[in-house]
Amino acid sequence: VLTNAVPSYAPGMQLISTSAIGVHERGLDLVGQLSTMHDTDASSW
């Protein structure tokens, strides 16, 4: 969660940066992994 360190990266919001090794498509389904990794429901991000 980048904005936990730098709120100016997305004022008034929480901005999450997620990376994966290799080249992947924009629409890759990450919801399950992000929900597990951040211990929350990421489906509405």
ModelCIF file with pLDDT and N, C-alpha, C, O atoms, coordinates in Angstrom:
data_MODEL
#
_entry.id   MODEL 
#
_entity.id                         1 
_entity.type                       polymer 
_entity.pdbx_number_of_molecules   1 
#
_entity_poly.entity_id                      1 
_entity_poly.type                           'polypeptide(L)' 
_entity_poly.nstd_linkage                   no 
_entity_poly.nstd_monomer                   no 
_entity_poly.pdbx_seq_one_letter_code       VLTNAVPSYAPGMQLISTSAIGVHERGLDLVGQLSTMHDTDASSW 
_entity_poly.pdbx_seq_one_letter_code_can   VLTNAVPSYAPGMQLISTSAIGVHERGLDLVGQLSTMHDTDASSW 
_entity_poly.pdbx_strand_id                 A 
#
loop_
_entity_poly_seq.entity_id 
_entity_poly_seq.num 
_entity_poly_seq.mon_id 
_entity_poly_seq.hetero 
1 1  VAL n 
1 2  LEU n 
1 3  THR n 
1 4  ASN n 
1 5  ALA n 
1 6  VAL n 
1 7  PRO n 
1 8  SER n 
1 9  TYR n 
1 10 ALA n 
1 11 PRO n 
1 12 GLY n 
1 13 MET n 
1 14 GLN n 
1 15 LEU n 
1 16 ILE n 
1 17 SER n 
1 18 THR n 
1 19 SER n 
1 20 ALA n 
1 21 ILE n 
1 22 GLY n 
1 23 VAL n 
1 24 HIS n 
1 25 GLU n 
1 26 ARG n 
1 27 GLY n 
1 28 LEU n 
1 29 ASP n 
1 30 LEU n 
1 31 VAL n 
1 32 GLY n 
1 33 GLN n 
1 34 LEU n 
1 35 SER n 
1 36 THR n 
1 37 MET n 
1 38 HIS n 
1 39 ASP n 
1 40 THR n 
1 41 ASP n 
1 42 ALA n 
1 43 SER n 
1 44 SER n 
1 45 TRP n 
#
_struct_asym.id          A 
_struct_asym.entity_id   1 
#
loop_
_ma_qa_metric.id 
_ma_qa_metric.mode 
_ma_qa_metric.name 
_ma_qa_metric.software_group_id 
_ma_qa_metric.type 
1 global pLDDT . pLDDT 
2 local  pLDDT . pLDDT 
#
_ma_qa_metric_global.metric_id      1 
_ma_qa_metric_global.metric_value   96.20 
_ma_qa_metric_global.model_id       1 
_ma_qa_metric_global.ordinal_id     1 
#
loop_
_ma_qa_metric_local.label_asym_id 
_ma_qa_metric_local.label_comp_id 
_ma_qa_metric_local.label_seq_id 
_ma_qa_metric_local.metric_id 
_ma_qa_metric_local.metric_value 
_ma_qa_metric_local.model_id 
_ma_qa_metric_local.ordinal_id 
A VAL 1  2 97.00 1 1  
A LEU 2  2 98.00 1 2  
A THR 3  2 97.00 1 3  
A ASN 4  2 96.00 1 4  
A ALA 5  2 97.00 1 5  
A VAL 6  2 98.00 1 6  
A PRO 7  2 97.00 1 7  
A SER 8  2 98.00 1 8  
A TYR 9  2 98.00 1 9  
A ALA 10 2 98.00 1 10 
A PRO 11 2 97.00 1 11 
A GLY 12 2 96.00 1 12 
A MET 13 2 97.00 1 13 
A GLN 14 2 97.00 1 14 
A LEU 15 2 98.00 1 15 
A ILE 16 2 98.00 1 16 
A SER 17 2 98.00 1 17 
A THR 18 2 98.00 1 18 
A SER 19 2 98.00 1 19 
A ALA 20 2 97.00 1 20 
A ILE 21 2 97.00 1 21 
A GLY 22 2 97.00 1 22 
A VAL 23 2 97.00 1 23 
A HIS 24 2 97.00 1 24 
A GLU 25 2 97.00 1 25 
A ARG 26 2 97.00 1 26 
A GLY 27 2 94.00 1 27 
A LEU 28 2 94.00 1 28 
A ASP 29 2 94.00 1 29 
A LEU 30 2 96.00 1 30 
A VAL 31 2 95.00 1 31 
A GLY 32 2 94.00 1 32 
A GLN 33 2 94.00 1 33 
A LEU 34 2 96.00 1 34 
A SER 35 2 95.00 1 35 
A THR 36 2 93.00 1 36 
A MET 37 2 94.00 1 37 
A HIS 38 2 94.00 1 38 
A ASP 39 2 92.00 1 39 
A THR 40 2 94.00 1 40 
A ASP 41 2 95.00 1 41 
A ALA 42 2 96.00 1 42 
A SER 43 2 96.00 1 43 
A SER 44 2 96.00 1 44 
A TRP 45 2 97.00 1 45 
#
loop_
_atom_site.group_PDB 
_atom_site.id 
_atom_site.type_symbol 
_atom_site.label_atom_id 
_atom_site.label_alt_id 
_atom_site.label_comp_id 
_atom_site.label_asym_id 
_atom_site.label_entity_id 
_atom_site.label_seq_id 
_atom_site.pdbx_PDB_ins_code 
_atom_site.Cartn_x 
_atom_site.Cartn_y 
_atom_site.Cartn_z 
_atom_site.occupancy 
_atom_site.B_iso_or_equiv 
_atom_site.pdbx_formal_charge 
_atom_site.auth_seq_id 
_atom_site.auth_comp_id 
_atom_site.auth_asym_id 
_atom_site.auth_atom_id 
_atom_site.pdbx_PDB_model_num 
ATOM 1   N N  . VAL A 1 1  ? 0.871   -1.179  0.000   1.00 97.00 ? 1  VAL A N  1 
ATOM 2   C CA . VAL A 1 1  ? 0.000   0.000   0.000   1.00 97.00 ? 1  VAL A CA 1 
ATOM 3   C C  . VAL A 1 1  ? 0.907   1.228   0.000   1.00 97.00 ? 1  VAL A C  1 
ATOM 4   O O  . VAL A 1 1  ? 1.399   1.648   1.048   1.00 97.00 ? 1  VAL A O  1 
ATOM 5   N N  . LEU A 1 2  ? 1.121   1.791   -1.170  1.00 98.00 ? 2  LEU A N  1 
ATOM 6   C CA . LEU A 1 2  ? 2.077   2.888   -1.322  1.00 98.00 ? 2  LEU A CA 1 
ATOM 7   C C  . LEU A 1 2  ? 1.685   4.119   -0.507  1.00 98.00 ? 2  LEU A C  1 
ATOM 8   O O  . LEU A 1 2  ? 2.545   4.796   0.056   1.00 98.00 ? 2  LEU A O  1 
ATOM 9   N N  . THR A 1 3  ? 0.392   4.404   -0.449  1.00 97.00 ? 3  THR A N  1 
ATOM 10  C CA . THR A 1 3  ? -0.047  5.615   0.236   1.00 97.00 ? 3  THR A CA 1 
ATOM 11  C C  . THR A 1 3  ? 0.121   5.538   1.750   1.00 97.00 ? 3  THR A C  1 
ATOM 12  O O  . THR A 1 3  ? -0.009  6.555   2.430   1.00 97.00 ? 3  THR A O  1 
ATOM 13  N N  . ASN A 1 4  ? 0.402   4.367   2.286   1.00 96.00 ? 4  ASN A N  1 
ATOM 14  C CA . ASN A 1 4  ? 0.747   4.298   3.706   1.00 96.00 ? 4  ASN A CA 1 
ATOM 15  C C  . ASN A 1 4  ? 2.092   4.963   3.963   1.00 96.00 ? 4  ASN A C  1 
ATOM 16  O O  . ASN A 1 4  ? 2.356   5.438   5.068   1.00 96.00 ? 4  ASN A O  1 
ATOM 17  N N  . ALA A 1 5  ? 2.938   4.997   2.944   1.00 97.00 ? 5  ALA A N  1 
ATOM 18  C CA . ALA A 1 5  ? 4.220   5.696   3.060   1.00 97.00 ? 5  ALA A CA 1 
ATOM 19  C C  . ALA A 1 5  ? 4.136   7.098   2.491   1.00 97.00 ? 5  ALA A C  1 
ATOM 20  O O  . ALA A 1 5  ? 4.648   8.046   3.086   1.00 97.00 ? 5  ALA A O  1 
ATOM 21  N N  . VAL A 1 6  ? 3.483   7.234   1.325   1.00 98.00 ? 6  VAL A N  1 
ATOM 22  C CA . VAL A 1 6  ? 3.454   8.519   0.622   1.00 98.00 ? 6  VAL A CA 1 
ATOM 23  C C  . VAL A 1 6  ? 2.008   8.848   0.255   1.00 98.00 ? 6  VAL A C  1 
ATOM 24  O O  . VAL A 1 6  ? 1.554   8.479   -0.828  1.00 98.00 ? 6  VAL A O  1 
ATOM 25  N N  . PRO A 1 7  ? 1.284   9.527   1.125   1.00 97.00 ? 7  PRO A N  1 
ATOM 26  C CA . PRO A 1 7  ? -0.117  9.848   0.825   1.00 97.00 ? 7  PRO A CA 1 
ATOM 27  C C  . PRO A 1 7  ? -0.290  10.665  -0.454  1.00 97.00 ? 7  PRO A C  1 
ATOM 28  O O  . PRO A 1 7  ? -1.346  10.612  -1.086  1.00 97.00 ? 7  PRO A O  1 
ATOM 29  N N  . SER A 1 8  ? 0.734   11.416  -0.836  1.00 98.00 ? 8  SER A N  1 
ATOM 30  C CA . SER A 1 8  ? 0.635   12.260  -2.034  1.00 98.00 ? 8  SER A CA 1 
ATOM 31  C C  . SER A 1 8  ? 0.579   11.447  -3.322  1.00 98.00 ? 8  SER A C  1 
ATOM 32  O O  . SER A 1 8  ? 0.264   11.997  -4.377  1.00 98.00 ? 8  SER A O  1 
ATOM 33  N N  . TYR A 1 9  ? 0.879   10.146  -3.259  1.00 98.00 ? 9  TYR A N  1 
ATOM 34  C CA . TYR A 1 9  ? 0.782   9.310   -4.460  1.00 98.00 ? 9  TYR A CA 1 
ATOM 35  C C  . TYR A 1 9  ? -0.673  9.174   -4.932  1.00 98.00 ? 9  TYR A C  1 
ATOM 36  O O  . TYR A 1 9  ? -0.914  8.958   -6.119  1.00 98.00 ? 9  TYR A O  1 
ATOM 37  N N  . ALA A 1 10 ? -1.638  9.297   -4.019  1.00 98.00 ? 10 ALA A N  1 
ATOM 38  C CA . ALA A 1 10 ? -3.066  9.229   -4.384  1.00 98.00 ? 10 ALA A CA 1 
ATOM 39  C C  . ALA A 1 10 ? -3.853  9.890   -3.256  1.00 98.00 ? 10 ALA A C  1 
ATOM 40  O O  . ALA A 1 10 ? -4.413  9.200   -2.404  1.00 98.00 ? 10 ALA A O  1 
ATOM 41  N N  . PRO A 1 11 ? -3.897  11.219  -3.247  1.00 97.00 ? 11 PRO A N  1 
ATOM 42  C CA . PRO A 1 11 ? -4.538  11.940  -2.143  1.00 97.00 ? 11 PRO A CA 1 
ATOM 43  C C  . PRO A 1 11 ? -5.987  11.495  -1.917  1.00 97.00 ? 11 PRO A C  1 
ATOM 44  O O  . PRO A 1 11 ? -6.785  11.435  -2.852  1.00 97.00 ? 11 PRO A O  1 
ATOM 45  N N  . GLY A 1 12 ? -6.305  11.189  -0.666  1.00 96.00 ? 12 GLY A N  1 
ATOM 46  C CA . GLY A 1 12 ? -7.663  10.811  -0.301  1.00 96.00 ? 12 GLY A CA 1 
ATOM 47  C C  . GLY A 1 12 ? -8.046  9.386   -0.637  1.00 96.00 ? 12 GLY A C  1 
ATOM 48  O O  . GLY A 1 12 ? -9.202  9.003   -0.458  1.00 96.00 ? 12 GLY A O  1 
ATOM 49  N N  . MET A 1 13 ? -7.092  8.580   -1.125  1.00 97.00 ? 13 MET A N  1 
ATOM 50  C CA . MET A 1 13 ? -7.357  7.187   -1.491  1.00 97.00 ? 13 MET A CA 1 
ATOM 51  C C  . MET A 1 13 ? -6.214  6.314   -0.986  1.00 97.00 ? 13 MET A C  1 
ATOM 52  O O  . MET A 1 13 ? -5.205  6.808   -0.483  1.00 97.00 ? 13 MET A O  1 
ATOM 53  N N  . GLN A 1 14 ? -6.397  5.007   -1.134  1.00 97.00 ? 14 GLN A N  1 
ATOM 54  C CA . GLN A 1 14 ? -5.320  4.063   -0.888  1.00 97.00 ? 14 GLN A CA 1 
ATOM 55  C C  . GLN A 1 14 ? -4.870  3.494   -2.234  1.00 97.00 ? 14 GLN A C  1 
ATOM 56  O O  . GLN A 1 14 ? -5.685  2.977   -2.997  1.00 97.00 ? 14 GLN A O  1 
ATOM 57  N N  . LEU A 1 15 ? -3.574  3.591   -2.520  1.00 98.00 ? 15 LEU A N  1 
ATOM 58  C CA . LEU A 1 15 ? -3.011  3.117   -3.783  1.00 98.00 ? 15 LEU A CA 1 
ATOM 59  C C  . LEU A 1 15 ? -2.157  1.890   -3.505  1.00 98.00 ? 15 LEU A C  1 
ATOM 60  O O  . LEU A 1 15 ? -1.221  1.933   -2.707  1.00 98.00 ? 15 LEU A O  1 
ATOM 61  N N  . ILE A 1 16 ? -2.496  0.802   -4.174  1.00 98.00 ? 16 ILE A N  1 
ATOM 62  C CA . ILE A 1 16 ? -1.792  -0.465  -3.964  1.00 98.00 ? 16 ILE A CA 1 
ATOM 63  C C  . ILE A 1 16 ? -0.991  -0.805  -5.217  1.00 98.00 ? 16 ILE A C  1 
ATOM 64  O O  . ILE A 1 16 ? -1.529  -0.828  -6.324  1.00 98.00 ? 16 ILE A O  1 
ATOM 65  N N  . SER A 1 17 ? 0.288   -1.065  -5.031  1.00 98.00 ? 17 SER A N  1 
ATOM 66  C CA . SER A 1 17 ? 1.166   -1.502  -6.120  1.00 98.00 ? 17 SER A CA 1 
ATOM 67  C C  . SER A 1 17 ? 1.395   -3.002  -5.978  1.00 98.00 ? 17 SER A C  1 
ATOM 68  O O  . SER A 1 17 ? 1.736   -3.484  -4.898  1.00 98.00 ? 17 SER A O  1 
ATOM 69  N N  . THR A 1 18 ? 1.207   -3.736  -7.071  1.00 98.00 ? 18 THR A N  1 
ATOM 70  C CA . THR A 1 18 ? 1.374   -5.188  -7.071  1.00 98.00 ? 18 THR A CA 1 
ATOM 71  C C  . THR A 1 18 ? 2.247   -5.587  -8.242  1.00 98.00 ? 18 THR A C  1 
ATOM 72  O O  . THR A 1 18 ? 2.014   -5.142  -9.366  1.00 98.00 ? 18 THR A O  1 
ATOM 73  N N  . SER A 1 19 ? 3.253   -6.424  -7.999  1.00 98.00 ? 19 SER A N  1 
ATOM 74  C CA . SER A 1 19 ? 4.187   -6.801  -9.058  1.00 98.00 ? 19 SER A CA 1 
ATOM 75  C C  . SER A 1 19 ? 4.313   -8.310  -9.180  1.00 98.00 ? 19 SER A C  1 
ATOM 76  O O  . SER A 1 19 ? 4.203   -9.043  -8.197  1.00 98.00 ? 19 SER A O  1 
ATOM 77  N N  . ALA A 1 20 ? 4.548   -8.761  -10.413 1.00 97.00 ? 20 ALA A N  1 
ATOM 78  C CA . ALA A 1 20 ? 4.783   -10.169 -10.713 1.00 97.00 ? 20 ALA A CA 1 
ATOM 79  C C  . ALA A 1 20 ? 5.915   -10.273 -11.711 1.00 97.00 ? 20 ALA A C  1 
ATOM 80  O O  . ALA A 1 20 ? 5.983   -9.501  -12.667 1.00 97.00 ? 20 ALA A O  1 
ATOM 81  N N  . ILE A 1 21 ? 6.800   -11.224 -11.490 1.00 97.00 ? 21 ILE A N  1 
ATOM 82  C CA . ILE A 1 21 ? 7.914   -11.443 -12.411 1.00 97.00 ? 21 ILE A CA 1 
ATOM 83  C C  . ILE A 1 21 ? 7.372   -11.882 -13.768 1.00 97.00 ? 21 ILE A C  1 
ATOM 84  O O  . ILE A 1 21 ? 6.461   -12.706 -13.844 1.00 97.00 ? 21 ILE A O  1 
ATOM 85  N N  . GLY A 1 22 ? 7.938   -11.327 -14.831 1.00 97.00 ? 22 GLY A N  1 
ATOM 86  C CA . GLY A 1 22 ? 7.500   -11.654 -16.177 1.00 97.00 ? 22 GLY A CA 1 
ATOM 87  C C  . GLY A 1 22 ? 6.519   -10.635 -16.718 1.00 97.00 ? 22 GLY A C  1 
ATOM 88  O O  . GLY A 1 22 ? 6.141   -9.692  -16.022 1.00 97.00 ? 22 GLY A O  1 
ATOM 89  N N  . VAL A 1 23 ? 6.109   -10.827 -17.954 1.00 97.00 ? 23 VAL A N  1 
ATOM 90  C CA . VAL A 1 23 ? 5.167   -9.933  -18.609 1.00 97.00 ? 23 VAL A CA 1 
ATOM 91  C C  . VAL A 1 23 ? 3.787   -10.578 -18.601 1.00 97.00 ? 23 VAL A C  1 
ATOM 92  O O  . VAL A 1 23 ? 3.605   -11.697 -19.079 1.00 97.00 ? 23 VAL A O  1 
ATOM 93  N N  . HIS A 1 24 ? 2.812   -9.846  -18.045 1.00 97.00 ? 24 HIS A N  1 
ATOM 94  C CA . HIS A 1 24 ? 1.452   -10.386 -17.885 1.00 97.00 ? 24 HIS A CA 1 
ATOM 95  C C  . HIS A 1 24 ? 0.430   -9.394  -18.426 1.00 97.00 ? 24 HIS A C  1 
ATOM 96  O O  . HIS A 1 24 ? 0.701   -8.198  -18.533 1.00 97.00 ? 24 HIS A O  1 
ATOM 97  N N  . GLU A 1 25 ? -0.743  -9.906  -18.764 1.00 97.00 ? 25 GLU A N  1 
ATOM 98  C CA . GLU A 1 25 ? -1.793  -9.067  -19.332 1.00 97.00 ? 25 GLU A CA 1 
ATOM 99  C C  . GLU A 1 25 ? -2.446  -8.203  -18.268 1.00 97.00 ? 25 GLU A C  1 
ATOM 100 O O  . GLU A 1 25 ? -2.392  -8.505  -17.076 1.00 97.00 ? 25 GLU A O  1 
ATOM 101 N N  . ARG A 1 26 ? -3.059  -7.128  -18.721 1.00 97.00 ? 26 ARG A N  1 
ATOM 102 C CA . ARG A 1 26 ? -3.710  -6.185  -17.813 1.00 97.00 ? 26 ARG A CA 1 
ATOM 103 C C  . ARG A 1 26 ? -4.818  -6.842  -16.998 1.00 97.00 ? 26 ARG A C  1 
ATOM 104 O O  . ARG A 1 26 ? -4.954  -6.587  -15.802 1.00 97.00 ? 26 ARG A O  1 
ATOM 105 N N  . GLY A 1 27 ? -5.608  -7.690  -17.653 1.00 94.00 ? 27 GLY A N  1 
ATOM 106 C CA . GLY A 1 27 ? -6.783  -8.235  -17.008 1.00 94.00 ? 27 GLY A CA 1 
ATOM 107 C C  . GLY A 1 27 ? -6.561  -9.508  -16.219 1.00 94.00 ? 27 GLY A C  1 
ATOM 108 O O  . GLY A 1 27 ? -7.526  -10.197 -15.889 1.00 94.00 ? 27 GLY A O  1 
ATOM 109 N N  . LEU A 1 28 ? -5.326  -9.839  -15.909 1.00 94.00 ? 28 LEU A N  1 
ATOM 110 C CA . LEU A 1 28 ? -5.058  -11.050 -15.137 1.00 94.00 ? 28 LEU A CA 1 
ATOM 111 C C  . LEU A 1 28 ? -5.797  -10.995 -13.797 1.00 94.00 ? 28 LEU A C  1 
ATOM 112 O O  . LEU A 1 28 ? -5.784  -9.966  -13.121 1.00 94.00 ? 28 LEU A O  1 
ATOM 113 N N  . ASP A 1 29 ? -6.435  -12.094 -13.420 1.00 94.00 ? 29 ASP A N  1 
ATOM 114 C CA . ASP A 1 29 ? -7.228  -12.133 -12.189 1.00 94.00 ? 29 ASP A CA 1 
ATOM 115 C C  . ASP A 1 29 ? -6.296  -12.206 -10.980 1.00 94.00 ? 29 ASP A C  1 
ATOM 116 O O  . ASP A 1 29 ? -5.637  -13.219 -10.742 1.00 94.00 ? 29 ASP A O  1 
ATOM 117 N N  . LEU A 1 30 ? -6.258  -11.115 -10.230 1.00 96.00 ? 30 LEU A N  1 
ATOM 118 C CA . LEU A 1 30 ? -5.392  -11.027 -9.052  1.00 96.00 ? 30 LEU A CA 1 
ATOM 119 C C  . LEU A 1 30 ? -6.189  -10.967 -7.750  1.00 96.00 ? 30 LEU A C  1 
ATOM 120 O O  . LEU A 1 30 ? -5.606  -10.926 -6.666  1.00 96.00 ? 30 LEU A O  1 
ATOM 121 N N  . VAL A 1 31 ? -7.499  -10.963 -7.852  1.00 95.00 ? 31 VAL A N  1 
ATOM 122 C CA . VAL A 1 31 ? -8.338  -10.707 -6.679  1.00 95.00 ? 31 VAL A CA 1 
ATOM 123 C C  . VAL A 1 31 ? -8.059  -11.695 -5.553  1.00 95.00 ? 31 VAL A C  1 
ATOM 124 O O  . VAL A 1 31 ? -7.888  -11.293 -4.402  1.00 95.00 ? 31 VAL A O  1 
ATOM 125 N N  . GLY A 1 32 ? -8.014  -12.988 -5.879  1.00 94.00 ? 32 GLY A N  1 
ATOM 126 C CA . GLY A 1 32 ? -7.799  -13.993 -4.839  1.00 94.00 ? 32 GLY A CA 1 
ATOM 127 C C  . GLY A 1 32 ? -6.479  -13.794 -4.114  1.00 94.00 ? 32 GLY A C  1 
ATOM 128 O O  . GLY A 1 32 ? -6.425  -13.804 -2.884  1.00 94.00 ? 32 GLY A O  1 
ATOM 129 N N  . GLN A 1 33 ? -5.418  -13.614 -4.886  1.00 94.00 ? 33 GLN A N  1 
ATOM 130 C CA . GLN A 1 33 ? -4.112  -13.440 -4.257  1.00 94.00 ? 33 GLN A CA 1 
ATOM 131 C C  . GLN A 1 33 ? -4.032  -12.159 -3.439  1.00 94.00 ? 33 GLN A C  1 
ATOM 132 O O  . GLN A 1 33 ? -3.506  -12.163 -2.326  1.00 94.00 ? 33 GLN A O  1 
ATOM 133 N N  . LEU A 1 34 ? -4.550  -11.064 -3.986  1.00 96.00 ? 34 LEU A N  1 
ATOM 134 C CA . LEU A 1 34 ? -4.477  -9.798  -3.261  1.00 96.00 ? 34 LEU A CA 1 
ATOM 135 C C  . LEU A 1 34 ? -5.334  -9.835  -2.002  1.00 96.00 ? 34 LEU A C  1 
ATOM 136 O O  . LEU A 1 34 ? -4.961  -9.251  -0.985  1.00 96.00 ? 34 LEU A O  1 
ATOM 137 N N  . SER A 1 35 ? -6.459  -10.502 -2.054  1.00 95.00 ? 35 SER A N  1 
ATOM 138 C CA . SER A 1 35 ? -7.301  -10.634 -0.861  1.00 95.00 ? 35 SER A CA 1 
ATOM 139 C C  . SER A 1 35 ? -6.565  -11.399 0.231   1.00 95.00 ? 35 SER A C  1 
ATOM 140 O O  . SER A 1 35 ? -6.626  -11.037 1.406   1.00 95.00 ? 35 SER A O  1 
ATOM 141 N N  . THR A 1 36 ? -5.865  -12.468 -0.171  1.00 93.00 ? 36 THR A N  1 
ATOM 142 C CA . THR A 1 36 ? -5.092  -13.244 0.798   1.00 93.00 ? 36 THR A CA 1 
ATOM 143 C C  . THR A 1 36 ? -3.913  -12.448 1.338   1.00 93.00 ? 36 THR A C  1 
ATOM 144 O O  . THR A 1 36 ? -3.665  -12.430 2.544   1.00 93.00 ? 36 THR A O  1 
ATOM 145 N N  . MET A 1 37 ? -3.197  -11.799 0.451   1.00 94.00 ? 37 MET A N  1 
ATOM 146 C CA . MET A 1 37 ? -1.979  -11.101 0.859   1.00 94.00 ? 37 MET A CA 1 
ATOM 147 C C  . MET A 1 37 ? -2.281  -9.906  1.763   1.00 94.00 ? 37 MET A C  1 
ATOM 148 O O  . MET A 1 37 ? -1.508  -9.606  2.673   1.00 94.00 ? 37 MET A O  1 
ATOM 149 N N  . HIS A 1 38 ? -3.401  -9.225  1.517   1.00 94.00 ? 38 HIS A N  1 
ATOM 150 C CA . HIS A 1 38 ? -3.735  -8.032  2.309   1.00 94.00 ? 38 HIS A CA 1 
ATOM 151 C C  . HIS A 1 38 ? -4.819  -8.302  3.349   1.00 94.00 ? 38 HIS A C  1 
ATOM 152 O O  . HIS A 1 38 ? -5.261  -7.388  4.044   1.00 94.00 ? 38 HIS A O  1 
ATOM 153 N N  . ASP A 1 39 ? -5.242  -9.555  3.452   1.00 92.00 ? 39 ASP A N  1 
ATOM 154 C CA . ASP A 1 39 ? -6.222  -9.960  4.469   1.00 92.00 ? 39 ASP A CA 1 
ATOM 155 C C  . ASP A 1 39 ? -7.477  -9.099  4.400   1.00 92.00 ? 39 ASP A C  1 
ATOM 156 O O  . ASP A 1 39 ? -7.944  -8.580  5.414   1.00 92.00 ? 39 ASP A O  1 
ATOM 157 N N  . THR A 1 40 ? -8.017  -8.954  3.193   1.00 94.00 ? 40 THR A N  1 
ATOM 158 C CA . THR A 1 40 ? -9.227  -8.165  2.987   1.00 94.00 ? 40 THR A CA 1 
ATOM 159 C C  . THR A 1 40 ? -9.856  -8.602  1.668   1.00 94.00 ? 40 THR A C  1 
ATOM 160 O O  . THR A 1 40 ? -9.280  -9.411  0.941   1.00 94.00 ? 40 THR A O  1 
ATOM 161 N N  . ASP A 1 41 ? -11.027 -8.074  1.360   1.00 95.00 ? 41 ASP A N  1 
ATOM 162 C CA . ASP A 1 41 ? -11.681 -8.364  0.083   1.00 95.00 ? 41 ASP A CA 1 
ATOM 163 C C  . ASP A 1 41 ? -11.225 -7.339  -0.949  1.00 95.00 ? 41 ASP A C  1 
ATOM 164 O O  . ASP A 1 41 ? -11.537 -6.154  -0.837  1.00 95.00 ? 41 ASP A O  1 
ATOM 165 N N  . ALA A 1 42 ? -10.485 -7.803  -1.953  1.00 96.00 ? 42 ALA A N  1 
ATOM 166 C CA . ALA A 1 42 ? -9.927  -6.895  -2.959  1.00 96.00 ? 42 ALA A CA 1 
ATOM 167 C C  . ALA A 1 42 ? -10.803 -6.809  -4.208  1.00 96.00 ? 42 ALA A C  1 
ATOM 168 O O  . ALA A 1 42 ? -10.389 -6.199  -5.195  1.00 96.00 ? 42 ALA A O  1 
ATOM 169 N N  . SER A 1 43 ? -11.980 -7.390  -4.195  1.00 96.00 ? 43 SER A N  1 
ATOM 170 C CA . SER A 1 43 ? -12.795 -7.483  -5.413  1.00 96.00 ? 43 SER A CA 1 
ATOM 171 C C  . SER A 1 43 ? -13.288 -6.131  -5.905  1.00 96.00 ? 43 SER A C  1 
ATOM 172 O O  . SER A 1 43 ? -13.577 -5.980  -7.092  1.00 96.00 ? 43 SER A O  1 
ATOM 173 N N  . SER A 1 44 ? -13.390 -5.141  -5.017  1.00 96.00 ? 44 SER A N  1 
ATOM 174 C CA . SER A 1 44 ? -13.915 -3.835  -5.428  1.00 96.00 ? 44 SER A CA 1 
ATOM 175 C C  . SER A 1 44 ? -12.818 -2.828  -5.782  1.00 96.00 ? 44 SER A C  1 
ATOM 176 O O  . SER A 1 44 ? -13.116 -1.688  -6.138  1.00 96.00 ? 44 SER A O  1 
ATOM 177 N N  . TRP A 1 45 ? -11.567 -3.238  -5.688  1.00 97.00 ? 45 TRP A N  1 
ATOM 178 C CA . TRP A 1 45 ? -10.486 -2.306  -6.001  1.00 97.00 ? 45 TRP A CA 1 
ATOM 179 C C  . TRP A 1 45 ? -10.528 -1.937  -7.480  1.00 97.00 ? 45 TRP A C  1 
ATOM 180 O O  . TRP A 1 45 ? -9.696  -1.159  -7.946  1.00 97.00 ? 45 TRP A O  1 
#
